[in-house]
Protein backbone atom coordinates (compact mmCIF):
# COMPACT_ATOMS: atom_id res chain seq x y z
CA UNK A 1 43.81 11.22 -142.52
CA UNK A 2 41.26 14.06 -142.87
CA UNK A 3 39.06 14.63 -139.83
CA UNK A 4 35.84 13.99 -141.76
CA UNK A 5 37.14 10.67 -143.10
CA UNK A 6 38.26 9.63 -139.62
CA UNK A 7 34.80 10.46 -138.26
CA UNK A 8 33.18 8.39 -141.00
CA UNK A 9 35.39 5.43 -140.15
CA UNK A 10 34.52 5.67 -136.47
CA UNK A 11 30.80 5.79 -137.22
CA UNK A 12 30.98 2.72 -139.46
CA UNK A 13 33.16 0.81 -137.03
CA UNK A 14 30.84 1.20 -134.06
CA UNK A 15 27.82 0.21 -136.07
CA UNK A 16 26.37 3.35 -137.63
CA UNK A 17 24.16 2.49 -140.60
CA UNK A 18 22.01 4.42 -143.01
CA UNK A 19 19.33 1.81 -143.56
CA UNK A 20 16.78 0.84 -140.93
CA UNK A 21 15.20 3.73 -139.08
CA UNK A 22 14.84 1.38 -136.11
CA UNK A 23 18.62 0.91 -135.89
CA UNK A 24 20.50 3.49 -133.86
CA UNK A 25 22.18 6.15 -136.00
CA UNK A 26 22.83 8.81 -133.34
CA UNK A 27 25.98 7.78 -131.50
CA UNK A 28 25.29 10.27 -128.71
CA UNK A 29 22.18 8.25 -127.76
CA UNK A 30 24.24 5.08 -127.29
CA UNK A 31 23.02 3.15 -124.26
CA UNK A 32 25.98 1.78 -122.28
CA UNK A 33 23.68 -0.91 -120.91
CA UNK A 34 24.19 -2.77 -124.21
CA UNK A 35 27.97 -2.49 -124.53
CA UNK A 36 31.07 -0.57 -123.60
CA UNK A 37 33.55 1.36 -125.67
CA UNK A 38 36.88 -0.27 -124.90
CA UNK A 39 39.21 1.76 -127.07
CA UNK A 40 40.22 -1.44 -128.89
CA UNK A 41 40.98 -1.26 -132.59
CA UNK A 42 40.69 -3.73 -135.45
CA UNK A 43 41.96 -4.16 -138.99
CA UNK A 44 39.40 -3.68 -141.76
CA UNK A 45 39.36 -3.37 -145.55
CA UNK A 46 37.92 -0.12 -146.87
CA UNK A 47 37.14 1.31 -150.30
CA UNK A 48 39.57 4.15 -150.99
CA UNK A 49 38.43 5.05 -154.48
CA UNK A 50 38.14 3.36 -157.87
CA UNK A 51 40.33 0.23 -158.02
CA UNK A 52 41.80 1.06 -154.62
CA UNK A 53 41.20 -1.03 -151.49
CA UNK A 54 43.30 -0.81 -148.36
CA UNK A 55 43.58 -2.02 -144.78
CA UNK A 56 43.12 0.52 -141.98
CA UNK A 57 42.91 0.47 -138.22
CA UNK A 58 39.59 1.51 -136.73
CA UNK A 59 37.56 1.15 -133.53
CA UNK A 60 36.23 -2.28 -132.69
CA UNK A 61 32.46 -2.45 -133.31
CA UNK A 62 30.19 -2.73 -130.29
CA UNK A 63 26.58 -3.61 -129.57
CA UNK A 64 24.33 -0.68 -130.43
CA UNK A 65 20.83 -2.18 -130.59
CA UNK A 66 19.30 -4.94 -128.46
CA UNK A 67 19.34 -7.55 -131.25
CA UNK A 68 22.98 -6.99 -132.22
CA UNK A 69 25.64 -9.68 -132.16
CA UNK A 70 29.35 -8.89 -132.42
CA UNK A 71 31.20 -11.56 -134.41
CA UNK A 72 34.94 -12.13 -134.30
CA UNK A 73 35.69 -12.91 -137.93
CA UNK A 74 37.65 -16.12 -138.59
CA UNK A 75 37.05 -16.32 -142.33
CA UNK A 76 36.05 -13.96 -145.12
CA UNK A 77 36.29 -13.88 -148.89
CA UNK A 78 35.98 -11.75 -152.01
CA UNK A 79 32.94 -12.23 -154.24
CA UNK A 80 32.80 -11.45 -157.93
CA UNK A 81 30.14 -8.87 -157.14
CA UNK A 82 32.69 -7.05 -154.93
CA UNK A 83 34.47 -6.10 -158.13
CA UNK A 84 31.50 -3.88 -159.05
CA UNK A 85 32.25 -1.92 -155.87
CA UNK A 86 35.98 -2.02 -156.58
CA UNK A 87 35.31 -0.42 -159.96
CA UNK A 88 33.05 2.20 -158.38
CA UNK A 89 30.00 1.33 -160.48
CA UNK A 90 27.59 0.61 -157.60
CA UNK A 91 25.80 3.83 -156.60
CA UNK A 92 26.68 5.58 -153.35
CA UNK A 93 29.90 3.75 -152.55
CA UNK A 94 31.91 6.16 -150.39
CA UNK A 95 35.55 6.34 -149.42
CA UNK A 96 35.99 4.68 -146.04
CA UNK A 97 33.19 2.13 -146.48
CA UNK A 98 34.14 -1.24 -144.96
CA UNK A 99 33.80 -3.94 -147.61
CA UNK A 100 32.80 -7.60 -147.59
CA UNK A 101 29.46 -9.41 -147.45
CA UNK A 102 30.59 -13.01 -146.79
CA UNK A 103 32.12 -14.09 -143.51
CA UNK A 104 32.02 -16.50 -140.61
CA UNK A 105 33.36 -16.31 -137.09
CA UNK A 106 32.80 -16.69 -133.39
CA UNK A 107 30.21 -14.87 -131.27
CA UNK A 108 32.03 -12.27 -129.16
CA UNK A 109 29.12 -10.48 -127.46
CA UNK A 110 25.36 -10.05 -127.79
CA UNK A 111 22.71 -7.48 -127.05
CA UNK A 112 19.90 -8.30 -124.60
CA UNK A 113 17.48 -8.94 -127.46
CA UNK A 114 19.69 -11.55 -129.14
CA UNK A 115 18.78 -14.86 -127.52
CA UNK A 116 19.78 -17.66 -129.94
CA UNK A 117 23.54 -17.40 -129.68
CA UNK A 118 26.07 -17.28 -126.88
CA UNK A 119 29.70 -16.30 -126.51
CA UNK A 120 32.10 -18.64 -128.29
CA UNK A 121 29.64 -20.23 -130.72
CA UNK A 122 30.81 -20.55 -134.32
CA UNK A 123 28.49 -18.87 -136.81
CA UNK A 124 28.15 -17.97 -140.46
CA UNK A 125 26.72 -14.54 -141.37
CA UNK A 126 24.07 -14.11 -144.09
CA UNK A 127 24.92 -11.41 -146.64
CA UNK A 128 21.39 -9.89 -146.73
CA UNK A 129 20.31 -8.28 -143.47
CA UNK A 130 16.75 -9.19 -142.48
CA UNK A 131 14.60 -8.16 -139.54
CA UNK A 132 12.66 -11.44 -139.41
CA UNK A 133 9.28 -9.83 -138.65
CA UNK A 134 8.14 -7.77 -141.65
CA UNK A 135 5.72 -9.25 -144.18
CA UNK A 136 8.52 -10.16 -146.62
CA UNK A 137 10.54 -11.90 -143.92
CA UNK A 138 7.45 -13.77 -142.75
CA UNK A 139 7.28 -15.24 -146.27
CA UNK A 140 11.02 -16.09 -146.04
CA UNK A 141 11.87 -13.48 -148.69
CA UNK A 142 14.66 -12.22 -146.45
CA UNK A 143 16.59 -10.39 -149.15
CA UNK A 144 13.56 -8.16 -149.67
CA UNK A 145 13.22 -7.18 -146.00
CA UNK A 146 11.24 -3.98 -145.61
CA UNK A 147 13.06 -2.65 -142.55
CA UNK A 148 16.79 -2.77 -143.19
CA UNK A 149 17.27 -0.49 -146.20
CA UNK A 150 15.41 2.80 -146.30
CA UNK A 151 17.63 4.25 -149.01
CA UNK A 152 15.29 6.51 -151.00
CA UNK A 153 17.19 6.16 -154.29
CA UNK A 154 17.04 2.37 -154.16
CA UNK A 155 13.35 2.36 -153.31
CA UNK A 156 12.48 4.85 -156.07
CA UNK A 157 14.61 3.07 -158.67
CA UNK A 158 13.26 -0.42 -158.01
CA UNK A 159 9.73 0.51 -156.93
CA UNK A 160 10.00 -1.60 -153.77
CA UNK A 161 12.26 -2.16 -150.81
CA UNK A 162 15.27 -4.43 -150.82
CA UNK A 163 17.16 -5.60 -147.75
CA UNK A 164 20.35 -4.08 -146.47
CA UNK A 165 23.56 -5.90 -147.40
CA UNK A 166 26.81 -6.01 -145.47
CA UNK A 167 29.66 -4.06 -147.02
CA UNK A 168 27.85 -3.06 -150.19
CA UNK A 169 27.55 0.74 -150.21
CA UNK A 170 24.87 3.09 -148.93
CA UNK A 171 22.71 1.98 -151.85
CA UNK A 172 22.09 -1.15 -149.77
CA UNK A 173 21.95 0.48 -146.35
CA UNK A 174 25.52 1.51 -145.58
CA UNK A 175 26.33 -1.43 -143.29
CA UNK A 176 29.98 -2.07 -142.45
CA UNK A 177 31.20 -5.32 -144.02
CA UNK A 178 32.96 -8.50 -143.00
CA UNK A 179 36.37 -8.08 -144.64
CA UNK A 180 37.48 -7.11 -141.15
CA UNK A 181 38.47 -8.68 -137.85
CA UNK A 182 35.11 -7.97 -136.19
CA UNK A 183 31.58 -7.33 -137.48
CA UNK A 184 28.39 -6.00 -135.91
CA UNK A 185 25.43 -8.12 -137.05
CA UNK A 186 22.00 -6.45 -136.61
CA UNK A 187 19.11 -8.81 -135.86
CA UNK A 188 21.63 -11.51 -135.05
CA UNK A 189 19.00 -14.15 -134.31
CA UNK A 190 17.87 -13.93 -137.96
CA UNK A 191 21.15 -13.32 -139.74
CA UNK A 192 23.41 -15.91 -138.12
CA UNK A 193 23.54 -19.69 -138.51
CA UNK A 194 25.35 -21.94 -136.07
CA UNK A 195 28.17 -24.00 -137.59
CA UNK A 196 28.23 -27.67 -136.52
CA UNK A 197 31.47 -28.80 -134.88
CA UNK A 198 32.34 -31.19 -137.71
CA UNK A 199 32.04 -28.53 -140.45
CA UNK A 200 35.22 -26.45 -140.86
CA UNK A 201 35.08 -22.71 -141.45
CA UNK A 202 36.46 -23.22 -144.95
CA UNK A 203 33.20 -24.96 -145.92
CA UNK A 204 30.74 -23.10 -143.69
CA UNK A 205 31.84 -19.63 -144.80
CA UNK A 206 30.36 -19.98 -148.27
CA UNK A 207 26.82 -20.51 -147.00
CA UNK A 208 27.01 -16.79 -146.34
CA UNK A 209 26.40 -16.12 -150.03
CA UNK A 210 27.83 -18.16 -152.90
CA UNK A 211 26.32 -21.55 -152.02
CA UNK A 212 22.88 -20.12 -151.20
CA UNK A 213 22.94 -17.77 -154.19
CA UNK A 214 23.81 -20.58 -156.61
CA UNK A 215 21.20 -22.89 -155.11
CA UNK A 216 18.57 -20.15 -155.33
CA UNK A 217 19.46 -19.45 -158.97
CA UNK A 218 18.93 -23.08 -159.93
CA UNK A 219 15.79 -23.61 -157.82
CA UNK A 220 14.17 -20.25 -158.59
CA UNK A 221 14.68 -20.66 -162.34
CA UNK A 222 13.18 -24.14 -162.10
CA UNK A 223 15.90 -26.52 -163.29
CA UNK A 224 14.23 -29.93 -163.44
CA UNK A 225 15.11 -33.52 -164.24
CA UNK A 226 16.15 -34.00 -167.87
CA UNK A 227 16.70 -30.29 -168.59
CA UNK A 228 19.49 -29.06 -170.82
CA UNK A 229 21.05 -26.10 -169.03
CA UNK A 230 23.56 -23.44 -170.08
CA UNK A 231 25.45 -21.33 -167.55
CA UNK A 232 27.09 -18.01 -168.44
CA UNK A 233 30.17 -17.30 -166.31
CA UNK A 234 32.71 -19.80 -164.96
CA UNK A 235 33.42 -18.08 -161.65
CA UNK A 236 32.44 -19.53 -158.25
CA UNK A 237 28.70 -18.84 -158.70
CA UNK A 238 28.73 -20.34 -162.19
CA UNK A 239 30.68 -23.35 -160.99
CA UNK A 240 28.25 -24.01 -158.15
CA UNK A 241 25.28 -23.53 -160.50
CA UNK A 242 26.74 -26.22 -162.76
CA UNK A 243 27.07 -28.49 -159.72
CA UNK A 244 23.55 -27.77 -158.49
CA UNK A 245 21.97 -28.09 -161.94
CA UNK A 246 23.28 -31.64 -162.13
CA UNK A 247 22.16 -32.20 -158.52
CA UNK A 248 18.60 -31.25 -159.55
CA UNK A 249 18.58 -33.67 -162.46
CA UNK A 250 19.82 -31.75 -165.50
CA UNK A 251 20.78 -34.14 -168.30
CA UNK A 252 23.39 -31.78 -169.78
CA UNK A 253 25.05 -28.59 -168.54
CA UNK A 254 27.06 -26.31 -170.82
CA UNK A 255 29.35 -23.66 -169.28
CA UNK A 256 30.19 -20.50 -171.26
CA UNK A 257 33.18 -18.25 -170.59
CA UNK A 258 36.14 -16.88 -172.51
CA UNK A 259 38.64 -14.10 -172.94
CA UNK A 260 40.77 -13.61 -169.83
CA UNK A 261 38.38 -15.91 -167.98
CA UNK A 262 38.77 -18.85 -170.37
CA UNK A 263 41.00 -20.73 -167.90
CA UNK A 264 37.94 -21.12 -165.68
CA UNK A 265 36.43 -23.52 -168.19
CA UNK A 266 39.27 -25.97 -167.65
CA UNK A 267 39.19 -25.36 -163.89
CA UNK A 268 35.50 -26.26 -163.64
CA UNK A 269 35.87 -29.16 -166.09
CA UNK A 270 38.56 -30.65 -163.85
CA UNK A 271 36.20 -30.44 -160.85
CA UNK A 272 33.01 -31.50 -162.70
CA UNK A 273 34.11 -33.68 -165.67
CA UNK A 274 30.63 -34.15 -167.16
CA UNK A 275 30.13 -30.43 -167.81
CA UNK A 276 30.43 -29.32 -171.45
CA UNK A 277 32.33 -26.10 -172.14
CA UNK A 278 32.00 -23.33 -174.70
CA UNK A 279 34.75 -20.71 -175.10
CA UNK A 280 33.17 -17.61 -176.62
CA UNK A 281 36.62 -16.38 -177.66
CA UNK A 282 37.28 -19.48 -179.74
CA UNK A 283 34.16 -19.90 -181.88
CA UNK A 284 34.19 -20.96 -185.55
CA UNK A 285 34.16 -18.05 -187.99
CA UNK A 286 30.81 -16.27 -188.13
CA UNK A 287 29.38 -18.18 -185.20
CA UNK A 288 27.82 -16.51 -182.16
CA UNK A 289 27.33 -18.02 -178.72
CA UNK A 290 23.62 -18.30 -179.43
CA UNK A 291 24.03 -20.05 -182.80
CA UNK A 292 26.63 -22.42 -181.38
CA UNK A 293 24.33 -23.35 -178.48
CA UNK A 294 21.44 -23.95 -180.86
CA UNK A 295 23.65 -26.34 -182.84
CA UNK A 296 24.91 -28.11 -179.72
CA UNK A 297 21.40 -28.68 -178.37
CA UNK A 298 19.31 -28.96 -181.55
CA UNK A 299 17.59 -25.77 -180.34
CA UNK A 300 16.35 -27.64 -177.28
CA UNK A 301 18.12 -25.62 -174.60
CA UNK A 302 15.66 -25.54 -171.69
CA UNK A 303 17.28 -23.21 -169.16
CA UNK A 304 19.86 -20.41 -169.25
CA UNK A 305 21.49 -19.14 -166.05
CA UNK A 306 23.31 -15.81 -166.05
CA UNK A 307 26.17 -15.78 -163.48
CA UNK A 308 28.42 -13.03 -164.81
CA UNK A 309 26.64 -9.67 -164.38
CA UNK A 310 25.90 -6.70 -166.55
CA UNK A 311 29.06 -4.64 -166.09
CA UNK A 312 31.30 -6.34 -168.64
CA UNK A 313 30.61 -5.19 -172.19
CA UNK A 314 31.71 -7.48 -175.02
CA UNK A 315 31.06 -5.05 -177.91
CA UNK A 316 32.16 -1.48 -178.53
CA UNK A 317 28.65 -0.01 -178.56
CA UNK A 318 27.90 -1.06 -175.00
CA UNK A 319 31.46 -0.26 -173.91
CA UNK A 320 31.12 3.38 -174.96
CA UNK A 321 27.55 3.68 -173.72
CA UNK A 322 28.68 2.56 -170.28
CA UNK A 323 31.63 4.93 -170.39
CA UNK A 324 29.40 7.97 -170.99
CA UNK A 325 26.73 6.85 -168.55
CA UNK A 326 24.09 6.07 -171.18
CA UNK A 327 23.52 2.71 -169.49
CA UNK A 328 24.71 1.01 -166.31
CA UNK A 329 24.48 -2.58 -167.56
CA UNK A 330 24.96 -4.32 -170.89
CA UNK A 331 22.20 -6.44 -172.42
CA UNK A 332 24.54 -8.61 -174.51
CA UNK A 333 24.40 -11.73 -172.35
CA UNK A 334 20.65 -11.36 -171.89
CA UNK A 335 20.18 -11.25 -175.65
CA UNK A 336 22.41 -14.30 -176.11
CA UNK A 337 20.32 -16.28 -173.64
CA UNK A 338 16.96 -15.19 -175.00
CA UNK A 339 17.92 -16.16 -178.56
CA UNK A 340 19.67 -19.39 -177.53
CA UNK A 341 16.96 -20.87 -175.31
CA UNK A 342 14.09 -22.87 -176.83
CA UNK A 343 10.63 -21.29 -177.17
CA UNK A 344 9.02 -20.97 -173.73
CA UNK A 345 12.36 -21.76 -172.13
CA UNK A 346 13.56 -20.16 -168.89
CA UNK A 347 16.25 -17.56 -168.31
CA UNK A 348 17.42 -16.78 -164.77
CA UNK A 349 19.48 -13.73 -163.82
CA UNK A 350 21.65 -14.02 -160.74
CA UNK A 351 24.64 -11.95 -161.90
CA UNK A 352 24.48 -8.40 -160.54
CA UNK A 353 22.58 -5.85 -162.62
CA UNK A 354 22.28 -2.46 -160.91
CA UNK A 355 20.22 -0.22 -163.20
CA UNK A 356 19.38 0.23 -166.87
CA UNK A 357 20.39 -1.32 -170.18
CA UNK A 358 19.99 -0.51 -173.88
CA UNK A 359 19.32 -2.63 -176.99
CA UNK A 360 17.45 -5.30 -175.07
CA UNK A 361 15.79 -7.82 -177.39
CA UNK A 362 12.35 -7.53 -175.85
CA UNK A 363 10.71 -8.67 -179.09
CA UNK A 364 12.34 -12.08 -178.95
CA UNK A 365 11.39 -12.40 -175.29
CA UNK A 366 7.72 -11.75 -176.00
CA UNK A 367 7.36 -13.43 -179.38
CA UNK A 368 8.98 -16.73 -178.38
CA UNK A 369 7.43 -16.95 -174.92
CA UNK A 370 10.73 -16.93 -173.02
CA UNK A 371 10.37 -16.72 -169.25
CA UNK A 372 12.82 -14.09 -167.95
CA UNK A 373 13.33 -14.54 -164.20
CA UNK A 374 15.20 -12.05 -162.07
CA UNK A 375 16.43 -14.28 -159.26
CA UNK A 376 17.10 -11.26 -157.07
CA UNK A 377 19.55 -11.20 -154.22
CA UNK A 378 19.20 -14.68 -152.75
CA UNK A 379 17.27 -15.05 -149.50
CA UNK A 380 20.01 -17.33 -148.18
CA UNK A 381 18.36 -17.71 -144.76
CA UNK A 382 15.55 -19.60 -146.53
CA UNK A 383 17.94 -22.35 -147.58
CA UNK A 384 20.96 -22.40 -145.32
CA UNK A 385 19.81 -24.92 -142.70
CA UNK A 386 19.09 -27.44 -145.46
CA UNK A 387 22.34 -26.62 -147.24
CA UNK A 388 24.35 -26.97 -144.05
CA UNK A 389 22.92 -30.49 -143.63
CA UNK A 390 23.97 -31.32 -147.20
CA UNK A 391 27.48 -30.05 -146.42
CA UNK A 392 27.53 -32.23 -143.27
CA UNK A 393 26.52 -35.27 -145.33
CA UNK A 394 29.15 -34.57 -147.96
CA UNK A 395 26.59 -34.01 -150.73
CA UNK A 396 27.82 -30.44 -151.18
CA UNK A 397 31.52 -29.61 -151.00
CA UNK A 398 32.19 -25.85 -151.21
CA UNK A 399 35.93 -26.54 -151.15
CA UNK A 400 35.67 -27.64 -154.80
CA UNK A 401 35.69 -23.97 -155.78
CA UNK A 402 38.31 -22.76 -153.26
CA UNK A 403 41.65 -22.32 -154.96
CA UNK A 404 43.61 -20.20 -152.47
CA UNK A 405 43.96 -19.24 -148.82
CA UNK A 406 45.31 -15.74 -148.18
CA UNK A 407 45.59 -13.20 -145.39
CA UNK A 408 43.20 -10.31 -144.77
CA UNK A 409 46.10 -7.85 -144.69
CA UNK A 410 46.93 -8.80 -148.30
CA UNK A 411 43.45 -7.91 -149.50
CA UNK A 412 44.60 -5.08 -151.78
CA UNK A 413 46.64 -7.60 -153.75
CA UNK A 414 43.81 -10.15 -153.69
CA UNK A 415 41.38 -7.60 -155.18
CA UNK A 416 43.91 -6.83 -157.91
CA UNK A 417 44.29 -10.55 -158.68
CA UNK A 418 40.53 -10.97 -158.95
CA UNK A 419 40.21 -7.87 -161.09
CA UNK A 420 42.83 -9.21 -163.51
CA UNK A 421 41.21 -12.67 -163.43
CA UNK A 422 44.61 -14.07 -162.60
CA UNK A 423 44.81 -17.62 -163.82
CA UNK A 424 43.96 -20.21 -161.23
CA UNK A 425 42.42 -17.82 -158.67
CA UNK A 426 38.84 -19.05 -158.41
CA UNK A 427 37.67 -18.53 -154.80
CA UNK A 428 39.81 -17.34 -151.90
CA UNK A 429 39.47 -18.06 -148.20
CA UNK A 430 40.71 -14.96 -146.36
CA UNK A 431 42.03 -15.75 -142.91
CA UNK A 432 42.40 -13.30 -140.02
CA UNK A 433 44.61 -13.53 -136.97
CA UNK A 434 41.70 -15.36 -135.29
CA UNK A 435 41.50 -18.15 -137.89
CA UNK A 436 42.31 -21.76 -137.09
CA UNK A 437 44.95 -23.62 -139.12
CA UNK A 438 43.80 -24.78 -142.54
CA UNK A 439 41.38 -27.70 -142.41
CA UNK A 440 42.00 -30.96 -144.21
CA UNK A 441 41.47 -30.54 -147.94
CA UNK A 442 41.74 -26.76 -147.77
CA UNK A 443 44.45 -24.89 -149.68
CA UNK A 444 47.46 -23.88 -147.61
CA UNK A 445 48.29 -20.24 -147.00
CA UNK A 446 49.68 -18.21 -149.91
CA UNK A 447 51.35 -14.87 -149.23
CA UNK A 448 51.30 -12.28 -152.01
């Protein structure tokens, strides 16, 4: 391994970040009062280039700042948004970056400023990193924290600060991620939630992102009793949005997917029988998704939820424009939603869109009074205590979307399976050597 790459891996492993100016970035100033270098190593998944993820050995992270908590990871997963990193389309992803923004584990050690958690407690880690004290955090808008991502490109591009995110490139702060055996969690008192004894890791893990993100999408877009709702994308986020739309009183929910993801329609239908499905690859001649939805609903579709993202072009124009860098995201799904929803209906975007798009039907948006709502990265800390209680009561069951249990060391193969949308692989629980045996109702281990 080249010396510069090895140095980068060491910096990321011990906690070096490129986001918050208040977080230590000069390793030479490390204060041994807060922790000790032990020489221990861990296994971690790193980005090695486009469509290339691998497991490497690196130094075990340690406490750097007073509020840090070191978590021994007992469960992790791959999110659909990780594929944007896998493909190299998120700005400032660098070789050697540790991936993963969803994980749970056990508290290993804490800095003197972290007071809520003690050694041995089970915790889930929020994917956005929040300080807890800035004006955004005070309003519980944790994913828009003003202190944890000082990336100048991000701030200039979006016109405002967004929070750092674990394992999601230097565009979101450069924080090492949780597809690893250990993780350093800055501001641990804010970014960790204790897991009740009766809730297994296989359920708690997903409060890190997918459960909170889906809940936020439904709540932020304003799904209400009696609404007719359409959801684009049958992956884990889409599946949970279907579930939560019904939970909030929707009278009908229609799920749209197709192509190599068409199997997801049947998967979700088996879990949630009352959902209606629409395969965009199997439409009657001359029909579009929008026209079919208008027929199905009598043009009374109240809410559209986008849970797929802007990377995947359906038509050749957007495909070539993305190839040459003329746009970063396609507007095709946005246009479908805007023309399918009723006048003054609501459209929520929770799929990842990174930059700019072309051919956006802004005229239809304005002329028909459609409310376009960017849900943003979900401030999961706002919801997760309530959601954990719903999991405890059995009103939410994240295991409904979990199809497989696999090992962290097989992560290169798991990424490839997700990238190919391999049939039947919906959501994976990644175990480490510190994981407990599979809980009741959880899939058993699959080796690939």
